[in-house]
PDB file of N, CA and C in Angstrom:
ATOM      1  N   MET A   1      18.358  40.718  45.432  1.00  0.00           N
ATOM      2  CA  MET A   1      16.894  40.700  46.412  1.00  0.00           C
ATOM      3  C   MET A   1      16.604  40.472  47.514  1.00  0.00           C
ATOM      4  N   GLU A   2      15.375  41.343  48.316  1.00  0.00           N
ATOM      5  CA  GLU A   2      15.374  41.004  49.579  1.00  0.00           C
ATOM      6  C   GLU A   2      14.607  39.973  49.501  1.00  0.00           C
ATOM      7  N   LEU A   3      14.252  39.336  50.889  1.00  0.00           N
ATOM      8  CA  LEU A   3      13.953  37.853  51.997  1.00  0.00           C
ATOM      9  C   LEU A   3      12.503  38.010  51.644  1.00  0.00           C
ATOM     10  N   GLU A   4      12.021  39.898  51.935  1.00  0.00           N
ATOM     11  CA  GLU A   4      10.427  40.121  51.580  1.00  0.00           C
ATOM     12  C   GLU A   4       9.943  39.547  50.560  1.00  0.00           C
ATOM     13  N   GLU A   5      10.726  40.661  49.580  1.00  0.00           N
ATOM     14  CA  GLU A   5      10.577  40.979  48.467  1.00  0.00           C
ATOM     15  C   GLU A   5      10.105  38.995  46.981  1.00  0.00           C
ATOM     16  N   LEU A   6      11.063  38.097  47.690  1.00  0.00           N
ATOM     17  CA  LEU A   6      10.814  37.359  47.032  1.00  0.00           C
ATOM     18  C   LEU A   6       9.852  36.248  47.551  1.00  0.00           C
ATOM     19  N   ARG A   7       8.752  36.904  49.002  1.00  0.00           N
ATOM     20  CA  ARG A   7       8.304  35.928  49.509  1.00  0.00           C
ATOM     21  C   ARG A   7       6.937  36.908  49.251  1.00  0.00           C
ATOM     22  N   LYS A   8       6.903  37.998  48.353  1.00  0.00           N
ATOM     23  CA  LYS A   8       5.723  38.272  48.459  1.00  0.00           C
ATOM     24  C   LYS A   8       5.774  37.716  46.270  1.00  0.00           C
ATOM     25  N   GLU A   9       6.171  37.769  45.721  1.00  0.00           N
ATOM     26  CA  GLU A   9       6.979  37.372  44.962  1.00  0.00           C
ATOM     27  C   GLU A   9       6.607  35.607  44.334  1.00  0.00           C
ATOM     28  N   MET A  10       6.396  34.732  45.961  1.00  0.00           N
ATOM     29  CA  MET A  10       6.403  33.933  45.431  1.00  0.00           C
ATOM     30  C   MET A  10       4.877  33.828  45.673  1.00  0.00           C
ATOM     31  N   GLU A  11       4.297  34.178  46.947  1.00  0.00           N
ATOM     32  CA  GLU A  11       3.122  34.014  47.130  1.00  0.00           C
ATOM     33  C   GLU A  11       2.293  34.337  46.114  1.00  0.00           C
ATOM     34  N   ALA A  12       2.515  35.556  45.384  1.00  0.00           N
ATOM     35  CA  ALA A  12       1.632  35.459  44.502  1.00  0.00           C
ATOM     36  C   ALA A  12       1.643  34.573  43.304  1.00  0.00           C
ATOM     37  N   TYR A  13       2.484  34.052  42.814  1.00  0.00           N
ATOM     38  CA  TYR A  13       3.302  33.447  42.500  1.00  0.00           C
ATOM     39  C   TYR A  13       2.486  31.858  42.305  1.00  0.00           C
ATOM     40  N   ALA A  14       1.927  31.557  43.685  1.00  0.00           N
ATOM     41  CA  ALA A  14       1.128  30.231  44.479  1.00  0.00           C
ATOM     42  C   ALA A  14       0.004  30.553  44.328  1.00  0.00           C
ATOM     43  N   LYS A  15      -0.560  31.964  44.582  1.00  0.00           N
ATOM     44  CA  LYS A  15      -2.397  32.602  44.191  1.00  0.00           C
ATOM     45  C   LYS A  15      -2.928  32.570  42.616  1.00  0.00           C
ATOM     46  N   SER A  16      -1.658  32.482  42.025  1.00  0.00           N
ATOM     47  CA  SER A  16      -1.795  32.102  40.727  1.00  0.00           C
ATOM     48  C   SER A  16      -2.250  31.134  40.478  1.00  0.00           C
ATOM     49  N   LYS A  17      -1.962  30.518  41.244  1.00  0.00           N
ATOM     50  CA  LYS A  17      -1.667  28.654  40.884  1.00  0.00           C
ATOM     51  C   LYS A  17      -2.962  27.876  41.471  1.00  0.00           C
ATOM     52  N   GLY A  18      -3.201  28.669  41.885  1.00  0.00           N
ATOM     53  CA  GLY A  18      -4.384  28.310  43.649  1.00  0.00           C
ATOM     54  C   GLY A  18      -3.600  27.035  44.506  1.00  0.00           C
ATOM     55  N   PHE A  19      -2.683  27.469  44.508  1.00  0.00           N
ATOM     56  CA  PHE A  19      -1.838  27.012  45.819  1.00  0.00           C
ATOM     57  C   PHE A  19      -0.964  27.893  46.485  1.00  0.00           C
ATOM     58  N   LYS A  20      -0.180  27.662  48.101  1.00  0.00           N
ATOM     59  CA  LYS A  20      -0.836  28.314  48.815  1.00  0.00           C
ATOM     60  C   LYS A  20       1.622  28.647  49.003  1.00  0.00           C
ATOM     61  N   LEU A  21       1.829  29.204  49.779  1.00  0.00           N
ATOM     62  CA  LEU A  21       3.316  29.359  50.221  1.00  0.00           C
ATOM     63  C   LEU A  21       2.959  27.846  51.921  1.00  0.00           C
ATOM     64  N   ASN A  22       3.344  26.787  51.828  1.00  0.00           N
ATOM     65  CA  ASN A  22       3.690  26.433  53.206  1.00  0.00           C
ATOM     66  C   ASN A  22       3.553  27.536  54.295  1.00  0.00           C
ATOM     67  N   PRO A  23       2.992  27.065  55.323  1.00  0.00           N
ATOM     68  CA  PRO A  23       2.714  27.488  56.449  1.00  0.00           C
ATOM     69  C   PRO A  23       3.383  28.062  57.834  1.00  0.00           C
ATOM     70  N   ASP A  24       4.334  26.658  57.825  1.00  0.00           N
ATOM     71  CA  ASP A  24       5.508  27.017  58.261  1.00  0.00           C
ATOM     72  C   ASP A  24       6.314  27.881  58.225  1.00  0.00           C
ATOM     73  N   LYS A  25       6.554  28.957  58.600  1.00  0.00           N
ATOM     74  CA  LYS A  25       7.495  30.835  58.279  1.00  0.00           C
ATOM     75  C   LYS A  25       8.793  29.726  58.254  1.00  0.00           C
ATOM     76  N   LYS A  26       9.523  29.349  59.010  1.00  0.00           N
ATOM     77  CA  LYS A  26      11.088  29.143  58.711  1.00  0.00           C
ATOM     78  C   LYS A  26      11.370  28.284  58.220  1.00  0.00           C
ATOM     79  N   LEU A  27       9.918  27.316  58.014  1.00  0.00           N
ATOM     80  CA  LEU A  27      11.227  26.579  56.422  1.00  0.00           C
ATOM     81  C   LEU A  27      10.849  27.097  55.930  1.00  0.00           C
ATOM     82  N   VAL A  28       9.839  27.798  55.190  1.00  0.00           N
ATOM     83  CA  VAL A  28       9.738  29.253  53.755  1.00  0.00           C
ATOM     84  C   VAL A  28      10.317  30.055  54.270  1.00  0.00           C
ATOM     85  N   ASP A  29      11.023  30.718  55.006  1.00  0.00           N
ATOM     86  CA  ASP A  29      12.573  31.208  55.226  1.00  0.00           C
ATOM     87  C   ASP A  29      13.428  31.089  54.529  1.00  0.00           C
ATOM     88  N   MET A  30      13.937  29.592  55.497  1.00  0.00           N
ATOM     89  CA  MET A  30      14.825  29.056  54.746  1.00  0.00           C
ATOM     90  C   MET A  30      15.878  28.652  53.553  1.00  0.00           C
ATOM     91  N   LEU A  31      14.753  28.782  52.763  1.00  0.00           N
ATOM     92  CA  LEU A  31      14.174  27.707  51.147  1.00  0.00           C
ATOM     93  C   LEU A  31      14.012  29.071  50.870  1.00  0.00           C
ATOM     94  N   LEU A  32      13.525  30.276  51.389  1.00  0.00           N
ATOM     95  CA  LEU A  32      14.216  31.115  50.451  1.00  0.00           C
ATOM     96  C   LEU A  32      15.231  32.584  50.370  1.00  0.00           C
ATOM     97  N   ARG A  33      15.682  32.162  51.745  1.00  0.00           N
ATOM     98  CA  ARG A  33      17.101  32.697  52.009  1.00  0.00           C
ATOM     99  C   ARG A  33      18.113  31.789  50.939  1.00  0.00           C
ATOM    100  N   ALA A  34      18.129  30.340  50.586  1.00  0.00           N
ATOM    101  CA  ALA A  34      18.883  29.041  49.465  1.00  0.00           C
ATOM    102  C   ALA A  34      18.245  30.077  47.982  1.00  0.00           C
ATOM    103  N   LEU A  35      17.426  29.484  48.236  1.00  0.00           N
ATOM    104  CA  LEU A  35      16.999  30.340  46.804  1.00  0.00           C
ATOM    105  C   LEU A  35      17.885  31.933  46.461  1.00  0.00           C
ATOM    106  N   ILE A  36      17.866  32.178  47.255  1.00  0.00           N
ATOM    107  CA  ILE A  36      18.615  33.795  46.937  1.00  0.00           C
ATOM    108  C   ILE A  36      19.527  33.034  47.099  1.00  0.00           C
ATOM    109  N   GLU A  37      20.808  32.396  47.866  1.00  0.00           N
ATOM    110  CA  GLU A  37      21.776  32.617  48.030  1.00  0.00           C
ATOM    111  C   GLU A  37      22.304  31.590  46.566  1.00  0.00           C
ATOM    112  N   ASN A  38      21.289  30.967  45.731  1.00  0.00           N
ATOM    113  CA  ASN A  38      21.817  30.092  44.819  1.00  0.00           C
ATOM    114  C   ASN A  38      21.800  31.055  43.938  1.00  0.00           C
ATOM    115  N   GLU A  39      20.972  32.442  43.824  1.00  0.00           N
ATOM    116  CA  GLU A  39      20.449  33.562  42.274  1.00  0.00           C
ATOM    117  C   GLU A  39      21.698  34.304  42.130  1.00  0.00           C
ATOM    118  N   LYS A  40      22.439  34.485  43.505  1.00  0.00           N
ATOM    119  CA  LYS A  40      23.891  35.197  43.861  1.00  0.00           C
ATOM    120  C   LYS A  40      24.850  33.976  43.072  1.00  0.00           C
ATOM    121  N   LYS A  41      24.995  33.059  44.321  1.00  0.00           N
ATOM    122  CA  LYS A  41      26.054  32.322  43.932  1.00  0.00           C
ATOM    123  C   LYS A  41      26.084  31.914  41.559  1.00  0.00           C
ATOM    124  N   TYR A  42      25.034  31.420  41.411  1.00  0.00           N
ATOM    125  CA  TYR A  42      24.313  30.680  40.075  1.00  0.00           C
ATOM    126  C   TYR A  42      23.629  31.138  39.047  1.00  0.00           C
ATOM    127  N   GLY A  43      23.658  32.580  38.810  1.00  0.00           N
ATOM    128  CA  GLY A  43      22.956  33.373  38.220  1.00  0.00           C
ATOM    129  C   GLY A  43      21.199  33.092  38.058  1.00  0.00           C
ATOM    130  N   LYS A  44      20.978  31.858  39.184  1.00  0.00           N
ATOM    131  CA  LYS A  44      19.451  31.191  38.571  1.00  0.00           C
ATOM    132  C   LYS A  44      19.017  30.726  40.284  1.00  0.00           C
ATOM    133  N   ARG A  45      17.487  30.864  40.358  1.00  0.00           N
ATOM    134  CA  ARG A  45      17.152  30.575  41.771  1.00  0.00           C
ATOM    135  C   ARG A  45      16.925  29.015  41.738  1.00  0.00           C
ATOM    136  N   TYR A  46      18.132  28.049  41.970  1.00  0.00           N
ATOM    137  CA  TYR A  46      17.949  26.848  41.829  1.00  0.00           C
ATOM    138  C   TYR A  46      17.423  26.302  42.697  1.00  0.00           C
ATOM    139  N   CYS A  47      16.653  25.609  43.355  1.00  0.00           N
ATOM    140  CA  CYS A  47      15.571  25.262  44.014  1.00  0.00           C
ATOM    141  C   CYS A  47      16.980  23.977  44.868  1.00  0.00           C
ATOM    142  N   PRO A  48      17.213  24.762  46.645  1.00  0.00           N
ATOM    143  CA  PRO A  48      18.099  23.416  46.927  1.00  0.00           C
ATOM    144  C   PRO A  48      17.851  22.350  47.342  1.00  0.00           C
ATOM    145  N   CYS A  49      16.502  22.129  46.921  1.00  0.00           N
ATOM    146  CA  CYS A  49      16.941  20.586  47.534  1.00  0.00           C
ATOM    147  C   CYS A  49      16.892  19.639  46.012  1.00  0.00           C
ATOM    148  N   ARG A  50      17.601  20.248  45.241  1.00  0.00           N
ATOM    149  CA  ARG A  50      17.307  18.490  44.051  1.00  0.00           C
ATOM    150  C   ARG A  50      18.756  18.634  43.983  1.00  0.00           C
ATOM    151  N   PRO A  51      19.302  17.649  43.048  1.00  0.00           N
ATOM    152  CA  PRO A  51      20.855  17.637  43.461  1.00  0.00           C
ATOM    153  C   PRO A  51      20.917  17.886  42.268  1.00  0.00           C
ATOM    154  N   PHE A  52      20.980  18.735  41.002  1.00  0.00           N
ATOM    155  CA  PHE A  52      21.564  18.726  40.227  1.00  0.00           C
ATOM    156  C   PHE A  52      20.583  20.140  39.574  1.00  0.00           C
ATOM    157  N   ARG A  53      21.898  20.829  38.859  1.00  0.00           N
ATOM    158  CA  ARG A  53      21.709  22.322  38.452  1.00  0.00           C
ATOM    159  C   ARG A  53      20.867  22.363  36.948  1.00  0.00           C
ATOM    160  N   SER A  54      20.609  22.890  36.454  1.00  0.00           N
ATOM    161  CA  SER A  54      19.625  23.340  35.497  1.00  0.00           C
ATOM    162  C   SER A  54      18.441  23.606  35.501  1.00  0.00           C
ATOM    163  N   ASP A  55      18.201  24.155  34.050  1.00  0.00           N
ATOM    164  CA  ASP A  55      16.748  25.031  33.990  1.00  0.00           C
ATOM    165  C   ASP A  55      15.743  24.124  34.799  1.00  0.00           C
ATOM    166  N   GLU A  56      15.126  23.293  34.329  1.00  0.00           N
ATOM    167  CA  GLU A  56      14.240  22.550  35.330  1.00  0.00           C
ATOM    168  C   GLU A  56      13.724  22.761  36.715  1.00  0.00           C
ATOM    169  N   THR A  57      15.605  23.342  37.059  1.00  0.00           N
ATOM    170  CA  THR A  57      15.144  23.049  38.814  1.00  0.00           C
ATOM    171  C   THR A  57      15.509  23.857  39.369  1.00  0.00           C
ATOM    172  N   VAL A  58      14.981  25.348  38.233  1.00  0.00           N
ATOM    173  CA  VAL A  58      15.370  26.806  38.394  1.00  0.00           C
ATOM    174  C   VAL A  58      13.594  26.874  39.016  1.00  0.00           C
ATOM    175  N   CYS A  59      13.655  27.155  40.014  1.00  0.00           N
ATOM    176  CA  CYS A  59      12.554  27.196  41.178  1.00  0.00           C
ATOM    177  C   CYS A  59      11.346  28.540  40.905  1.00  0.00           C
ATOM    178  N   PRO A  60      10.156  28.072  40.300  1.00  0.00           N
ATOM    179  CA  PRO A  60       9.516  26.776  40.536  1.00  0.00           C
ATOM    180  C   PRO A  60       9.861  25.941  39.563  1.00  0.00           C
ATOM    181  N   CYS A  61      10.216  24.440  40.347  1.00  0.00           N
ATOM    182  CA  CYS A  61      10.712  23.401  39.430  1.00  0.00           C
ATOM    183  C   CYS A  61       9.829  22.764  38.096  1.00  0.00           C
ATOM    184  N   LYS A  62      10.536  22.303  37.776  1.00  0.00           N
ATOM    185  CA  LYS A  62      10.294  21.532  36.397  1.00  0.00           C
ATOM    186  C   LYS A  62       8.177  20.799  36.740  1.00  0.00           C
ATOM    187  N   TRP A  63       8.727  20.067  38.515  1.00  0.00           N
ATOM    188  CA  TRP A  63       7.283  18.625  38.855  1.00  0.00           C
ATOM    189  C   TRP A  63       7.244  19.945  40.059  1.00  0.00           C
ATOM    190  N   HIS A  64       7.037  21.161  40.341  1.00  0.00           N
ATOM    191  CA  HIS A  64       6.572  21.653  41.906  1.00  0.00           C
ATOM    192  C   HIS A  64       4.827  20.800  41.147  1.00  0.00           C
ATOM    193  N   GLU A  65       4.277  21.190  40.498  1.00  0.00           N
ATOM    194  CA  GLU A  65       2.431  21.404  40.062  1.00  0.00           C
ATOM    195  C   GLU A  65       2.910  20.007  40.364  1.00  0.00           C
ATOM    196  N   GLU A  66       3.018  19.031  39.596  1.00  0.00           N
ATOM    197  CA  GLU A  66       2.764  17.270  39.847  1.00  0.00           C
ATOM    198  C   GLU A  66       2.633  17.371  41.054  1.00  0.00           C
ATOM    199  N   GLU A  67       3.690  17.655  41.973  1.00  0.00           N
ATOM    200  CA  GLU A  67       4.608  16.887  43.077  1.00  0.00           C
ATOM    201  C   GLU A  67       2.725  17.145  43.731  1.00  0.00           C
ATOM    202  N   ILE A  68       2.477  18.839  44.057  1.00  0.00           N
ATOM    203  CA  ILE A  68       1.815  19.125  44.932  1.00  0.00           C
ATOM    204  C   ILE A  68       0.412  18.783  44.207  1.00  0.00           C
ATOM    205  N   GLU A  69       0.483  18.208  43.678  1.00  0.00           N
ATOM    206  CA  GLU A  69      -1.748  17.752  42.899  1.00  0.00           C
ATOM    207  C   GLU A  69      -1.619  16.093  43.855  1.00  0.00           C
ATOM    208  N   LYS A  70      -0.288  16.017  43.618  1.00  0.00           N
ATOM    209  CA  LYS A  70       0.222  13.938  43.665  1.00  0.00           C
ATOM    210  C   LYS A  70       0.417  14.017  44.992  1.00  0.00           C
ATOM    211  N   TYR A  71       0.995  15.378  45.728  1.00  0.00           N
ATOM    212  CA  TYR A  71       1.215  14.593  47.090  1.00  0.00           C
ATOM    213  C   TYR A  71       0.884  15.509  48.257  1.00  0.00           C
ATOM    214  N   GLY A  72       0.605  16.832  47.852  1.00  0.00           N
ATOM    215  CA  GLY A  72      -0.151  18.398  48.870  1.00  0.00           C
ATOM    216  C   GLY A  72       0.589  19.322  48.992  1.00  0.00           C
ATOM    217  N   ARG A  73       2.390  19.095  48.078  1.00  0.00           N
ATOM    218  CA  ARG A  73       3.380  20.031  48.636  1.00  0.00           C
ATOM    219  C   ARG A  73       4.594  19.126  47.237  1.00  0.00           C
ATOM    220  N   CYS A  74       5.228  20.433  46.869  1.00  0.00           N
ATOM    221  CA  CYS A  74       6.640  20.117  46.006  1.00  0.00           C
ATOM    222  C   CYS A  74       7.157  19.656  47.029  1.00  0.00           C
ATOM    223  N   HIS A  75       8.281  18.826  46.211  1.00  0.00           N
ATOM    224  CA  HIS A  75       9.377  18.369  45.958  1.00  0.00           C
ATOM    225  C   HIS A  75      10.043  19.145  47.939  1.00  0.00           C
ATOM    226  N   CYS A  76      10.333  20.617  48.446  1.00  0.00           N
ATOM    227  CA  CYS A  76      11.190  20.827  48.963  1.00  0.00           C
ATOM    228  C   CYS A  76       9.901  21.157  50.410  1.00  0.00           C
ATOM    229  N   GLY A  77       8.495  21.362  50.240  1.00  0.00           N
ATOM    230  CA  GLY A  77       8.921  21.960  50.596  1.00  0.00           C
ATOM    231  C   GLY A  77       7.464  23.634  51.046  1.00  0.00           C
ATOM    232  N   LEU A  78       7.673  24.147  50.117  1.00  0.00           N
ATOM    233  CA  LEU A  78       8.404  25.575  49.808  1.00  0.00           C
ATOM    234  C   LEU A  78       5.982  25.577  49.167  1.00  0.00           C
ATOM    235  N   PHE A  79       5.484  25.454  48.519  1.00  0.00           N
ATOM    236  CA  PHE A  79       4.265  25.333  48.052  1.00  0.00           C
ATOM    237  C   PHE A  79       3.779  24.184  48.052  1.00  0.00           C
ATOM    238  N   VAL A  80       2.407  24.681  49.176  1.00  0.00           N
ATOM    239  CA  VAL A  80       1.081  23.316  49.369  1.00  0.00           C
ATOM    240  C   VAL A  80       0.358  23.539  48.534  1.00  0.00           C
ATOM    241  N   LYS A  81      -0.460  22.613  48.773  1.00  0.00           N
ATOM    242  CA  LYS A  81      -2.052  22.696  48.181  1.00  0.00           C
ATOM    243  C   LYS A  81      -2.947  24.142  48.871  1.00  0.00           C
ATOM    244  N   ASP A  82      -3.581  24.400  48.484  1.00  0.00           N
ATOM    245  CA  ASP A  82      -4.460  25.894  49.178  1.00  0.00           C
ATOM    246  C   ASP A  82      -5.730  25.090  49.708  1.00  0.00           C
ATOM    247  N   ALA A  83      -6.632  24.087  50.533  1.00  0.00           N
ATOM    248  CA  ALA A  83      -7.679  23.285  50.987  1.00  0.00           C
ATOM    249  C   ALA A  83      -8.233  23.657  51.186  1.00  0.00           C
TER     250      ALA A  83
END
């Protein structure tokens, strides 16, 4: 999967949930590249910010919506609350 293809997929997902991608393009690019590498290496898009590999940590992870609601962003900062 290419970077821009994944960005569009994640943007659409975020929009459907009422949040958005982080406006920090460098951070988003770094995280998306890490997701692509994890998918190549492990077969799934594991969150690069979580210390273990399980289905709960496949991006978007199990906790992202709760974190966005509570902190305004998910743990890694890929998704942020839409103001």
